[in-house]
Amino acid sequence: MVIRETLQHREAVRGGRGTVDFYHVVPKDRCDGYLHMFAKLVIRPASSIGWHQHVGETEPYYILSGEGLFTDNDGSKTAVRPGDVCLIRSGDFHSIENLSDTEDLVLMAAIYKQD
């Protein structure tokens, strides 16, 4: 089976600012109920995904290119760059922002249900 990615442009994701492009790699209806989302996210310059919580799900971010600032559940802020993984566990809050005025922050994100 071959699945083609689909693009979704979103503004103010989870109360963040600016634009985030979601390149959905596997559609939700093909995930057999465990995987909620598997997508490449392109966070445009000066944009962010706002502070939000995951309940009953885990979400890793794998940074592919660009640099950003990840805010973890405890409020700590960490600069992230290619090769870094941000792990969000069930019950955790988090946010991520692209502080660059010129370069995109690109990452892979998968949201999957916890048993």
PDB file of N, CA and C in Angstrom:
ATOM      1  N   MET A   1       0.840  -1.164   0.000  1.00  0.00           N
ATOM      2  CA  MET A   1       0.000   0.000   0.000  1.00  0.00           C
ATOM      3  C   MET A   1       0.894   1.239   0.000  1.00  0.00           C
ATOM      4  N   VAL A   2       0.540   2.205  -0.805  1.00  0.00           N
ATOM      5  CA  VAL A   2       1.231   3.491  -0.837  1.00  0.00           C
ATOM      6  C   VAL A   2       0.233   4.562  -0.428  1.00  0.00           C
ATOM      7  N   ILE A   3       0.648   5.386   0.497  1.00  0.00           N
ATOM      8  CA  ILE A   3      -0.202   6.477   0.968  1.00  0.00           C
ATOM      9  C   ILE A   3       0.507   7.784   0.664  1.00  0.00           C
ATOM     10  N   ARG A   4      -0.200   8.713   0.107  1.00  0.00           N
ATOM     11  CA  ARG A   4       0.371  10.027  -0.193  1.00  0.00           C
ATOM     12  C   ARG A   4       0.060  10.980   0.955  1.00  0.00           C
ATOM     13  N   GLU A   5       1.052  11.791   1.312  1.00  0.00           N
ATOM     14  CA  GLU A   5       0.823  12.757   2.378  1.00  0.00           C
ATOM     15  C   GLU A   5      -0.222  13.785   1.964  1.00  0.00           C
ATOM     16  N   THR A   6      -0.888  14.331   2.952  1.00  0.00           N
ATOM     17  CA  THR A   6      -1.843  15.412   2.707  1.00  0.00           C
ATOM     18  C   THR A   6      -1.416  16.609   3.539  1.00  0.00           C
ATOM     19  N   LEU A   7      -1.598  17.787   2.987  1.00  0.00           N
ATOM     20  CA  LEU A   7      -1.158  19.021   3.627  1.00  0.00           C
ATOM     21  C   LEU A   7      -2.340  19.747   4.251  1.00  0.00           C
ATOM     22  N   GLN A   8      -2.155  20.179   5.483  1.00  0.00           N
ATOM     23  CA  GLN A   8      -3.155  20.977   6.186  1.00  0.00           C
ATOM     24  C   GLN A   8      -2.450  22.205   6.764  1.00  0.00           C
ATOM     25  N   HIS A   9      -2.840  23.408   6.308  1.00  0.00           N
ATOM     26  CA  HIS A   9      -2.313  24.657   6.870  1.00  0.00           C
ATOM     27  C   HIS A   9      -3.168  25.023   8.071  1.00  0.00           C
ATOM     28  N   ARG A  10      -2.532  25.330   9.195  1.00  0.00           N
ATOM     29  CA  ARG A  10      -3.299  25.710  10.392  1.00  0.00           C
ATOM     30  C   ARG A  10      -2.711  26.975  11.003  1.00  0.00           C
ATOM     31  N   GLU A  11      -3.589  27.827  11.487  1.00  0.00           N
ATOM     32  CA  GLU A  11      -3.195  29.061  12.168  1.00  0.00           C
ATOM     33  C   GLU A  11      -3.449  28.916  13.657  1.00  0.00           C
ATOM     34  N   ALA A  12      -2.619  29.550  14.467  1.00  0.00           N
ATOM     35  CA  ALA A  12      -2.804  29.617  15.918  1.00  0.00           C
ATOM     36  C   ALA A  12      -3.068  28.240  16.526  1.00  0.00           C
ATOM     37  N   VAL A  13      -2.221  27.269  16.193  1.00  0.00           N
ATOM     38  CA  VAL A  13      -2.393  25.894  16.676  1.00  0.00           C
ATOM     39  C   VAL A  13      -2.303  25.853  18.199  1.00  0.00           C
ATOM     40  N   ARG A  14      -3.341  25.296  18.831  1.00  0.00           N
ATOM     41  CA  ARG A  14      -3.416  25.163  20.287  1.00  0.00           C
ATOM     42  C   ARG A  14      -3.179  26.506  20.991  1.00  0.00           C
ATOM     43  N   GLY A  15      -3.614  27.587  20.362  1.00  0.00           N
ATOM     44  CA  GLY A  15      -3.465  28.911  20.953  1.00  0.00           C
ATOM     45  C   GLY A  15      -2.114  29.551  20.697  1.00  0.00           C
ATOM     46  N   GLY A  16      -1.297  28.910  19.867  1.00  0.00           N
ATOM     47  CA  GLY A  16       0.009  29.476  19.514  1.00  0.00           C
ATOM     48  C   GLY A  16      -0.154  30.602  18.512  1.00  0.00           C
ATOM     49  N   ARG A  17       0.954  31.021  17.949  1.00  0.00           N
ATOM     50  CA  ARG A  17       0.901  32.120  16.983  1.00  0.00           C
ATOM     51  C   ARG A  17       1.395  31.659  15.617  1.00  0.00           C
ATOM     52  N   GLY A  18       0.966  32.358  14.586  1.00  0.00           N
ATOM     53  CA  GLY A  18       1.453  32.099  13.245  1.00  0.00           C
ATOM     54  C   GLY A  18       0.909  30.831  12.618  1.00  0.00           C
ATOM     55  N   THR A  19       1.690  30.299  11.677  1.00  0.00           N
ATOM     56  CA  THR A  19       1.265  29.193  10.823  1.00  0.00           C
ATOM     57  C   THR A  19       2.096  27.941  11.051  1.00  0.00           C
ATOM     58  N   VAL A  20       1.400  26.807  11.089  1.00  0.00           N
ATOM     59  CA  VAL A  20       2.057  25.499  11.129  1.00  0.00           C
ATOM     60  C   VAL A  20       1.442  24.671  10.010  1.00  0.00           C
ATOM     61  N   ASP A  21       2.300  24.088   9.175  1.00  0.00           N
ATOM     62  CA  ASP A  21       1.843  23.196   8.109  1.00  0.00           C
ATOM     63  C   ASP A  21       1.992  21.754   8.597  1.00  0.00           C
ATOM     64  N   PHE A  22       0.893  21.002   8.516  1.00  0.00           N
ATOM     65  CA  PHE A  22       0.873  19.589   8.901  1.00  0.00           C
ATOM     66  C   PHE A  22       0.877  18.761   7.618  1.00  0.00           C
ATOM     67  N   TYR A  23       1.932  17.999   7.387  1.00  0.00           N
ATOM     68  CA  TYR A  23       1.997  17.061   6.276  1.00  0.00           C
ATOM     69  C   TYR A  23       1.657  15.691   6.856  1.00  0.00           C
ATOM     70  N   HIS A  24       0.375  15.323   6.815  1.00  0.00           N
ATOM     71  CA  HIS A  24      -0.080  14.061   7.395  1.00  0.00           C
ATOM     72  C   HIS A  24       0.441  12.901   6.556  1.00  0.00           C
ATOM     73  N   VAL A  25       1.258  12.061   7.182  1.00  0.00           N
ATOM     74  CA  VAL A  25       1.890  10.936   6.504  1.00  0.00           C
ATOM     75  C   VAL A  25       0.961   9.729   6.467  1.00  0.00           C
ATOM     76  N   VAL A  26       0.307   9.454   7.590  1.00  0.00           N
ATOM     77  CA  VAL A  26      -0.661   8.360   7.666  1.00  0.00           C
ATOM     78  C   VAL A  26      -1.983   8.955   8.140  1.00  0.00           C
ATOM     79  N   PRO A  27      -3.036   8.846   7.323  1.00  0.00           N
ATOM     80  CA  PRO A  27      -4.332   9.382   7.755  1.00  0.00           C
ATOM     81  C   PRO A  27      -4.859   8.646   8.984  1.00  0.00           C
ATOM     82  N   LYS A  28      -5.602   9.369   9.810  1.00  0.00           N
ATOM     83  CA  LYS A  28      -6.122   8.800  11.058  1.00  0.00           C
ATOM     84  C   LYS A  28      -6.939   7.532  10.810  1.00  0.00           C
ATOM     85  N   ASP A  29      -7.692   7.492   9.715  1.00  0.00           N
ATOM     86  CA  ASP A  29      -8.533   6.315   9.441  1.00  0.00           C
ATOM     87  C   ASP A  29      -7.716   5.081   9.034  1.00  0.00           C
ATOM     88  N   ARG A  30      -6.405   5.231   8.845  1.00  0.00           N
ATOM     89  CA  ARG A  30      -5.535   4.092   8.509  1.00  0.00           C
ATOM     90  C   ARG A  30      -4.677   3.657   9.688  1.00  0.00           C
ATOM     91  N   CYS A  31      -4.938   4.198  10.876  1.00  0.00           N
ATOM     92  CA  CYS A  31      -4.061   3.977  12.036  1.00  0.00           C
ATOM     93  C   CYS A  31      -4.531   2.893  12.985  1.00  0.00           C
ATOM     94  N   ASP A  32      -5.590   2.188  12.682  1.00  0.00           N
ATOM     95  CA  ASP A  32      -6.069   1.062  13.486  1.00  0.00           C
ATOM     96  C   ASP A  32      -6.369   1.436  14.939  1.00  0.00           C
ATOM     97  N   GLY A  33      -6.697   2.701  15.186  1.00  0.00           N
ATOM     98  CA  GLY A  33      -7.137   3.123  16.506  1.00  0.00           C
ATOM     99  C   GLY A  33      -6.049   3.428  17.520  1.00  0.00           C
ATOM    100  N   TYR A  34      -4.793   3.110  17.240  1.00  0.00           N
ATOM    101  CA  TYR A  34      -3.720   3.360  18.199  1.00  0.00           C
ATOM    102  C   TYR A  34      -2.980   4.658  17.914  1.00  0.00           C
ATOM    103  N   LEU A  35      -2.752   4.909  16.666  1.00  0.00           N
ATOM    104  CA  LEU A  35      -2.024   6.106  16.260  1.00  0.00           C
ATOM    105  C   LEU A  35      -3.032   7.192  15.921  1.00  0.00           C
ATOM    106  N   HIS A  36      -2.938   8.306  16.617  1.00  0.00           N
ATOM    107  CA  HIS A  36      -3.865   9.422  16.379  1.00  0.00           C
ATOM    108  C   HIS A  36      -3.351  10.329  15.267  1.00  0.00           C
ATOM    109  N   MET A  37      -2.015  10.524  15.224  1.00  0.00           N
ATOM    110  CA  MET A  37      -1.435  11.371  14.192  1.00  0.00           C
ATOM    111  C   MET A  37       0.009  10.958  13.943  1.00  0.00           C
ATOM    112  N   PHE A  38       0.399  10.955  12.679  1.00  0.00           N
ATOM    113  CA  PHE A  38       1.795  10.794  12.281  1.00  0.00           C
ATOM    114  C   PHE A  38       2.011  11.797  11.168  1.00  0.00           C
ATOM    115  N   ALA A  39       2.800  12.838  11.456  1.00  0.00           N
ATOM    116  CA  ALA A  39       2.915  13.929  10.492  1.00  0.00           C
ATOM    117  C   ALA A  39       4.265  14.632  10.590  1.00  0.00           C
ATOM    118  N   LYS A  40       4.655  15.234   9.479  1.00  0.00           N
ATOM    119  CA  LYS A  40       5.769  16.170   9.473  1.00  0.00           C
ATOM    120  C   LYS A  40       5.157  17.545   9.706  1.00  0.00           C
ATOM    121  N   LEU A  41       5.676  18.278  10.681  1.00  0.00           N
ATOM    122  CA  LEU A  41       5.181  19.613  10.975  1.00  0.00           C
ATOM    123  C   LEU A  41       6.226  20.627  10.568  1.00  0.00           C
ATOM    124  N   VAL A  42       5.786  21.658   9.886  1.00  0.00           N
ATOM    125  CA  VAL A  42       6.650  22.771   9.524  1.00  0.00           C
ATOM    126  C   VAL A  42       6.122  23.993  10.261  1.00  0.00           C
ATOM    127  N   ILE A  43       6.868  24.389  11.285  1.00  0.00           N
ATOM    128  CA  ILE A  43       6.499  25.566  12.065  1.00  0.00           C
ATOM    129  C   ILE A  43       7.209  26.753  11.422  1.00  0.00           C
ATOM    130  N   ARG A  44       6.418  27.634  10.850  1.00  0.00           N
ATOM    131  CA  ARG A  44       6.957  28.772  10.097  1.00  0.00           C
ATOM    132  C   ARG A  44       7.683  29.748  11.030  1.00  0.00           C
ATOM    133  N   PRO A  45       8.552  30.608  10.478  1.00  0.00           N
ATOM    134  CA  PRO A  45       9.273  31.576  11.307  1.00  0.00           C
ATOM    135  C   PRO A  45       8.324  32.379  12.202  1.00  0.00           C
ATOM    136  N   ALA A  46       8.775  32.610  13.434  1.00  0.00           N
ATOM    137  CA  ALA A  46       8.034  33.380  14.440  1.00  0.00           C
ATOM    138  C   ALA A  46       6.663  32.769  14.750  1.00  0.00           C
ATOM    139  N   SER A  47       6.529  31.445  14.585  1.00  0.00           N
ATOM    140  CA  SER A  47       5.266  30.750  14.854  1.00  0.00           C
ATOM    141  C   SER A  47       5.469  29.735  15.974  1.00  0.00           C
ATOM    142  N   SER A  48       4.344  29.222  16.502  1.00  0.00           N
ATOM    143  CA  SER A  48       4.440  28.277  17.612  1.00  0.00           C
ATOM    144  C   SER A  48       3.213  27.386  17.685  1.00  0.00           C
ATOM    145  N   ILE A  49       3.359  26.303  18.448  1.00  0.00           N
ATOM    146  CA  ILE A  49       2.238  25.475  18.885  1.00  0.00           C
ATOM    147  C   ILE A  49       2.086  25.794  20.366  1.00  0.00           C
ATOM    148  N   GLY A  50       0.903  26.247  20.754  1.00  0.00           N
ATOM    149  CA  GLY A  50       0.689  26.726  22.110  1.00  0.00           C
ATOM    150  C   GLY A  50       0.688  25.644  23.174  1.00  0.00           C
ATOM    151  N   TRP A  51       0.706  26.094  24.402  1.00  0.00           N
ATOM    152  CA  TRP A  51       0.724  25.253  25.604  1.00  0.00           C
ATOM    153  C   TRP A  51      -0.542  24.409  25.657  1.00  0.00           C
ATOM    154  N   HIS A  52      -0.390  23.092  25.699  1.00  0.00           N
ATOM    155  CA  HIS A  52      -1.539  22.197  25.754  1.00  0.00           C
ATOM    156  C   HIS A  52      -1.137  20.874  26.406  1.00  0.00           C
ATOM    157  N   GLN A  53      -2.150  20.073  26.747  1.00  0.00           N
ATOM    158  CA  GLN A  53      -1.938  18.821  27.462  1.00  0.00           C
ATOM    159  C   GLN A  53      -2.381  17.627  26.628  1.00  0.00           C
ATOM    160  N   HIS A  54      -1.677  16.518  26.826  1.00  0.00           N
ATOM    161  CA  HIS A  54      -2.080  15.234  26.245  1.00  0.00           C
ATOM    162  C   HIS A  54      -2.507  14.308  27.376  1.00  0.00           C
ATOM    163  N   VAL A  55      -3.698  13.743  27.278  1.00  0.00           N
ATOM    164  CA  VAL A  55      -4.206  12.814  28.276  1.00  0.00           C
ATOM    165  C   VAL A  55      -4.489  11.484  27.570  1.00  0.00           C
ATOM    166  N   GLY A  56      -3.899  10.401  28.076  1.00  0.00           N
ATOM    167  CA  GLY A  56      -4.095   9.091  27.477  1.00  0.00           C
ATOM    168  C   GLY A  56      -3.321   8.881  26.193  1.00  0.00           C
ATOM    169  N   GLU A  57      -2.364   9.777  25.912  1.00  0.00           N
ATOM    170  CA  GLU A  57      -1.559   9.673  24.682  1.00  0.00           C
ATOM    171  C   GLU A  57      -0.130  10.108  24.972  1.00  0.00           C
ATOM    172  N   THR A  58       0.772   9.620  24.160  1.00  0.00           N
ATOM    173  CA  THR A  58       2.170  10.030  24.185  1.00  0.00           C
ATOM    174  C   THR A  58       2.488  10.643  22.823  1.00  0.00           C
ATOM    175  N   GLU A  59       3.376  11.652  22.838  1.00  0.00           N
ATOM    176  CA  GLU A  59       3.757  12.299  21.577  1.00  0.00           C
ATOM    177  C   GLU A  59       5.243  12.621  21.585  1.00  0.00           C
ATOM    178  N   PRO A  60       6.027  11.940  20.768  1.00  0.00           N
ATOM    179  CA  PRO A  60       7.409  12.375  20.583  1.00  0.00           C
ATOM    180  C   PRO A  60       7.505  13.340  19.396  1.00  0.00           C
ATOM    181  N   TYR A  61       8.369  14.336  19.544  1.00  0.00           N
ATOM    182  CA  TYR A  61       8.769  15.211  18.433  1.00  0.00           C
ATOM    183  C   TYR A  61      10.203  14.826  18.085  1.00  0.00           C
ATOM    184  N   TYR A  62      10.488  14.654  16.800  1.00  0.00           N
ATOM    185  CA  TYR A  62      11.860  14.431  16.336  1.00  0.00           C
ATOM    186  C   TYR A  62      12.218  15.613  15.457  1.00  0.00           C
ATOM    187  N   ILE A  63      13.183  16.410  15.887  1.00  0.00           N
ATOM    188  CA  ILE A  63      13.544  17.636  15.176  1.00  0.00           C
ATOM    189  C   ILE A  63      14.386  17.287  13.953  1.00  0.00           C
ATOM    190  N   LEU A  64      13.920  17.703  12.775  1.00  0.00           N
ATOM    191  CA  LEU A  64      14.609  17.422  11.517  1.00  0.00           C
ATOM    192  C   LEU A  64      15.497  18.574  11.062  1.00  0.00           C
ATOM    193  N   SER A  65      14.998  19.810  11.160  1.00  0.00           N
ATOM    194  CA  SER A  65      15.797  20.964  10.747  1.00  0.00           C
ATOM    195  C   SER A  65      15.294  22.219  11.449  1.00  0.00           C
ATOM    196  N   GLY A  66      16.151  23.220  11.478  1.00  0.00           N
ATOM    197  CA  GLY A  66      15.827  24.460  12.150  1.00  0.00           C
ATOM    198  C   GLY A  66      16.113  24.347  13.641  1.00  0.00           C
ATOM    199  N   GLU A  67      15.803  25.415  14.344  1.00  0.00           N
ATOM    200  CA  GLU A  67      15.992  25.442  15.790  1.00  0.00           C
ATOM    201  C   GLU A  67      14.768  26.051  16.445  1.00  0.00           C
ATOM    202  N   GLY A  68      14.470  25.611  17.656  1.00  0.00           N
ATOM    203  CA  GLY A  68      13.299  26.119  18.343  1.00  0.00           C
ATOM    204  C   GLY A  68      13.481  26.094  19.846  1.00  0.00           C
ATOM    205  N   LEU A  69      12.405  26.413  20.535  1.00  0.00           N
ATOM    206  CA  LEU A  69      12.391  26.414  21.987  1.00  0.00           C
ATOM    207  C   LEU A  69      11.227  25.552  22.447  1.00  0.00           C
ATOM    208  N   PHE A  70      11.550  24.471  23.174  1.00  0.00           N
ATOM    209  CA  PHE A  70      10.555  23.535  23.684  1.00  0.00           C
ATOM    210  C   PHE A  70      10.305  23.851  25.151  1.00  0.00           C
ATOM    211  N   THR A  71       9.026  23.986  25.514  1.00  0.00           N
ATOM    212  CA  THR A  71       8.658  24.172  26.918  1.00  0.00           C
ATOM    213  C   THR A  71       8.058  22.873  27.417  1.00  0.00           C
ATOM    214  N   ASP A  72       8.692  22.311  28.450  1.00  0.00           N
ATOM    215  CA  ASP A  72       8.306  21.009  28.987  1.00  0.00           C
ATOM    216  C   ASP A  72       7.243  21.163  30.075  1.00  0.00           C
ATOM    217  N   ASN A  73       6.727  20.038  30.535  1.00  0.00           N
ATOM    218  CA  ASN A  73       5.650  19.985  31.514  1.00  0.00           C
ATOM    219  C   ASN A  73       5.935  20.812  32.773  1.00  0.00           C
ATOM    220  N   ASP A  74       7.193  20.848  33.201  1.00  0.00           N
ATOM    221  CA  ASP A  74       7.553  21.572  34.422  1.00  0.00           C
ATOM    222  C   ASP A  74       7.816  23.054  34.176  1.00  0.00           C
ATOM    223  N   GLY A  75       7.611  23.503  32.937  1.00  0.00           N
ATOM    224  CA  GLY A  75       7.832  24.898  32.587  1.00  0.00           C
ATOM    225  C   GLY A  75       9.243  25.213  32.131  1.00  0.00           C
ATOM    226  N   SER A  76      10.145  24.227  32.210  1.00  0.00           N
ATOM    227  CA  SER A  76      11.515  24.460  31.757  1.00  0.00           C
ATOM    228  C   SER A  76      11.535  24.621  30.237  1.00  0.00           C
ATOM    229  N   LYS A  77      12.444  25.473  29.778  1.00  0.00           N
ATOM    230  CA  LYS A  77      12.575  25.755  28.350  1.00  0.00           C
ATOM    231  C   LYS A  77      13.938  25.258  27.874  1.00  0.00           C
ATOM    232  N   THR A  78      13.926  24.531  26.750  1.00  0.00           N
ATOM    233  CA  THR A  78      15.153  23.957  26.216  1.00  0.00           C
ATOM    234  C   THR A  78      15.249  24.270  24.730  1.00  0.00           C
ATOM    235  N   ALA A  79      16.408  24.781  24.301  1.00  0.00           N
ATOM    236  CA  ALA A  79      16.645  24.979  22.880  1.00  0.00           C
ATOM    237  C   ALA A  79      16.752  23.614  22.218  1.00  0.00           C
ATOM    238  N   VAL A  80      16.092  23.445  21.067  1.00  0.00           N
ATOM    239  CA  VAL A  80      16.130  22.171  20.343  1.00  0.00           C
ATOM    240  C   VAL A  80      16.653  22.398  18.938  1.00  0.00           C
ATOM    241  N   ARG A  81      17.311  21.364  18.414  1.00  0.00           N
ATOM    242  CA  ARG A  81      17.913  21.422  17.075  1.00  0.00           C
ATOM    243  C   ARG A  81      17.856  20.033  16.443  1.00  0.00           C
ATOM    244  N   PRO A  82      18.260  19.897  15.189  1.00  0.00           N
ATOM    245  CA  PRO A  82      18.162  18.603  14.502  1.00  0.00           C
ATOM    246  C   PRO A  82      18.786  17.458  15.300  1.00  0.00           C
ATOM    247  N   GLY A  83      18.032  16.351  15.366  1.00  0.00           N
ATOM    248  CA  GLY A  83      18.466  15.161  16.081  1.00  0.00           C
ATOM    249  C   GLY A  83      17.912  15.056  17.488  1.00  0.00           C
ATOM    250  N   ASP A  84      17.368  16.164  18.010  1.00  0.00           N
ATOM    251  CA  ASP A  84      16.776  16.126  19.350  1.00  0.00           C
ATOM    252  C   ASP A  84      15.395  15.487  19.298  1.00  0.00           C
ATOM    253  N   VAL A  85      15.025  14.824  20.403  1.00  0.00           N
ATOM    254  CA  VAL A  85      13.694  14.248  20.566  1.00  0.00           C
ATOM    255  C   VAL A  85      13.072  14.852  21.812  1.00  0.00           C
ATOM    256  N   CYS A  86      11.870  15.367  21.672  1.00  0.00           N
ATOM    257  CA  CYS A  86      11.092  15.877  22.805  1.00  0.00           C
ATOM    258  C   CYS A  86      10.017  14.832  23.067  1.00  0.00           C
ATOM    259  N   LEU A  87       9.983  14.292  24.274  1.00  0.00           N
ATOM    260  CA  LEU A  87       9.021  13.240  24.598  1.00  0.00           C
ATOM    261  C   LEU A  87       7.956  13.798  25.525  1.00  0.00           C
ATOM    262  N   ILE A  88       6.720  13.762  25.080  1.00  0.00           N
ATOM    263  CA  ILE A  88       5.579  14.245  25.844  1.00  0.00           C
ATOM    264  C   ILE A  88       4.792  13.005  26.276  1.00  0.00           C
ATOM    265  N   ARG A  89       4.688  12.796  27.579  1.00  0.00           N
ATOM    266  CA  ARG A  89       3.990  11.622  28.114  1.00  0.00           C
ATOM    267  C   ARG A  89       2.563  11.974  28.487  1.00  0.00           C
ATOM    268  N   SER A  90       1.740  10.970  28.649  1.00  0.00           N
ATOM    269  CA  SER A  90       0.348  11.174  29.018  1.00  0.00           C
ATOM    270  C   SER A  90       0.252  12.032  30.283  1.00  0.00           C
ATOM    271  N   GLY A  91      -0.568  13.056  30.220  1.00  0.00           N
ATOM    272  CA  GLY A  91      -0.746  13.977  31.330  1.00  0.00           C
ATOM    273  C   GLY A  91       0.129  15.209  31.257  1.00  0.00           C
ATOM    274  N   ASP A  92       1.160  15.178  30.416  1.00  0.00           N
ATOM    275  CA  ASP A  92       2.079  16.309  30.304  1.00  0.00           C
ATOM    276  C   ASP A  92       1.496  17.453  29.484  1.00  0.00           C
ATOM    277  N   PHE A  93       1.877  18.660  29.869  1.00  0.00           N
ATOM    278  CA  PHE A  93       1.657  19.855  29.067  1.00  0.00           C
ATOM    279  C   PHE A  93       2.950  20.155  28.319  1.00  0.00           C
ATOM    280  N   HIS A  94       2.849  20.885  27.214  1.00  0.00           N
ATOM    281  CA  HIS A  94       4.046  21.290  26.477  1.00  0.00           C
ATOM    282  C   HIS A  94       3.689  22.328  25.424  1.00  0.00           C
ATOM    283  N   SER A  95       4.727  22.962  24.883  1.00  0.00           N
ATOM    284  CA  SER A  95       4.589  23.847  23.724  1.00  0.00           C
ATOM    285  C   SER A  95       5.935  23.882  23.016  1.00  0.00           C
ATOM    286  N   ILE A  96       5.918  24.381  21.781  1.00  0.00           N
ATOM    287  CA  ILE A  96       7.161  24.527  21.024  1.00  0.00           C
ATOM    288  C   ILE A  96       7.033  25.748  20.129  1.00  0.00           C
ATOM    289  N   GLU A  97       8.137  26.472  19.992  1.00  0.00           N
ATOM    290  CA  GLU A  97       8.101  27.670  19.158  1.00  0.00           C
ATOM    291  C   GLU A  97       9.344  27.791  18.301  1.00  0.00           C
ATOM    292  N   ASN A  98       9.155  28.402  17.170  1.00  0.00           N
ATOM    293  CA  ASN A  98      10.234  28.716  16.253  1.00  0.00           C
ATOM    294  C   ASN A  98      10.586  30.179  16.489  1.00  0.00           C
ATOM    295  N   LEU A  99      11.767  30.425  17.000  1.00  0.00           N
ATOM    296  CA  LEU A  99      12.178  31.792  17.313  1.00  0.00           C
ATOM    297  C   LEU A  99      12.837  32.505  16.135  1.00  0.00           C
ATOM    298  N   SER A 100      13.116  31.753  15.064  1.00  0.00           N
ATOM    299  CA  SER A 100      13.773  32.336  13.899  1.00  0.00           C
ATOM    300  C   SER A 100      12.813  33.232  13.120  1.00  0.00           C
ATOM    301  N   ASP A 101      13.351  34.291  12.555  1.00  0.00           N
ATOM    302  CA  ASP A 101      12.573  35.175  11.677  1.00  0.00           C
ATOM    303  C   ASP A 101      12.689  34.762  10.217  1.00  0.00           C
ATOM    304  N   THR A 102      13.575  33.779   9.932  1.00  0.00           N
ATOM    305  CA  THR A 102      13.836  33.442   8.530  1.00  0.00           C
ATOM    306  C   THR A 102      13.756  31.957   8.188  1.00  0.00           C
ATOM    307  N   GLU A 103      13.982  31.060   9.169  1.00  0.00           N
ATOM    308  CA  GLU A 103      14.036  29.624   8.870  1.00  0.00           C
ATOM    309  C   GLU A 103      12.874  28.870   9.503  1.00  0.00           C
ATOM    310  N   ASP A 104      12.396  27.844   8.799  1.00  0.00           N
ATOM    311  CA  ASP A 104      11.359  26.961   9.331  1.00  0.00           C
ATOM    312  C   ASP A 104      11.953  26.037  10.391  1.00  0.00           C
ATOM    313  N   LEU A 105      11.112  25.610  11.326  1.00  0.00           N
ATOM    314  CA  LEU A 105      11.430  24.543  12.270  1.00  0.00           C
ATOM    315  C   LEU A 105      10.630  23.330  11.803  1.00  0.00           C
ATOM    316  N   VAL A 106      11.319  22.238  11.455  1.00  0.00           N
ATOM    317  CA  VAL A 106      10.669  21.057  10.882  1.00  0.00           C
ATOM    318  C   VAL A 106      10.868  19.875  11.820  1.00  0.00           C
ATOM    319  N   LEU A 107       9.768  19.172  12.096  1.00  0.00           N
ATOM    320  CA  LEU A 107       9.853  18.019  12.986  1.00  0.00           C
ATOM    321  C   LEU A 107       8.845  16.961  12.570  1.00  0.00           C
ATOM    322  N   MET A 108       9.087  15.732  13.006  1.00  0.00           N
ATOM    323  CA  MET A 108       8.129  14.651  12.861  1.00  0.00           C
ATOM    324  C   MET A 108       7.434  14.509  14.191  1.00  0.00           C
ATOM    325  N   ALA A 109       6.110  14.282  14.149  1.00  0.00           N
ATOM    326  CA  ALA A 109       5.337  14.102  15.375  1.00  0.00           C
ATOM    327  C   ALA A 109       4.424  12.904  15.209  1.00  0.00           C
ATOM    328  N   ALA A 110       4.349  12.104  16.259  1.00  0.00           N
ATOM    329  CA  ALA A 110       3.424  10.965  16.279  1.00  0.00           C
ATOM    330  C   ALA A 110       2.681  11.025  17.601  1.00  0.00           C
ATOM    331  N   ILE A 111       1.367  10.979  17.532  1.00  0.00           N
ATOM    332  CA  ILE A 111       0.551  10.914  18.746  1.00  0.00           C
ATOM    333  C   ILE A 111      -0.079   9.536  18.776  1.00  0.00           C
ATOM    334  N   TYR A 112       0.206   8.794  19.836  1.00  0.00           N
ATOM    335  CA  TYR A 112      -0.376   7.450  19.947  1.00  0.00           C
ATOM    336  C   TYR A 112      -0.980   7.246  21.323  1.00  0.00           C
ATOM    337  N   LYS A 113      -2.006   6.421  21.349  1.00  0.00           N
ATOM    338  CA  LYS A 113      -2.746   6.145  22.574  1.00  0.00           C
ATOM    339  C   LYS A 113      -1.951   5.263  23.516  1.00  0.00           C
ATOM    340  N   GLN A 114      -2.137   5.506  24.806  1.00  0.00           N
ATOM    341  CA  GLN A 114      -1.562   4.668  25.847  1.00  0.00           C
ATOM    342  C   GLN A 114      -2.575   3.605  26.237  1.00  0.00           C
ATOM    343  N   ASP A 115      -2.139   2.399  26.496  1.00  0.00           N
ATOM    344  CA  ASP A 115      -3.040   1.336  26.963  1.00  0.00           C
ATOM    345  C   ASP A 115      -3.284   1.455  28.440  1.00  0.00           C
TER     346      ASP A 115
END
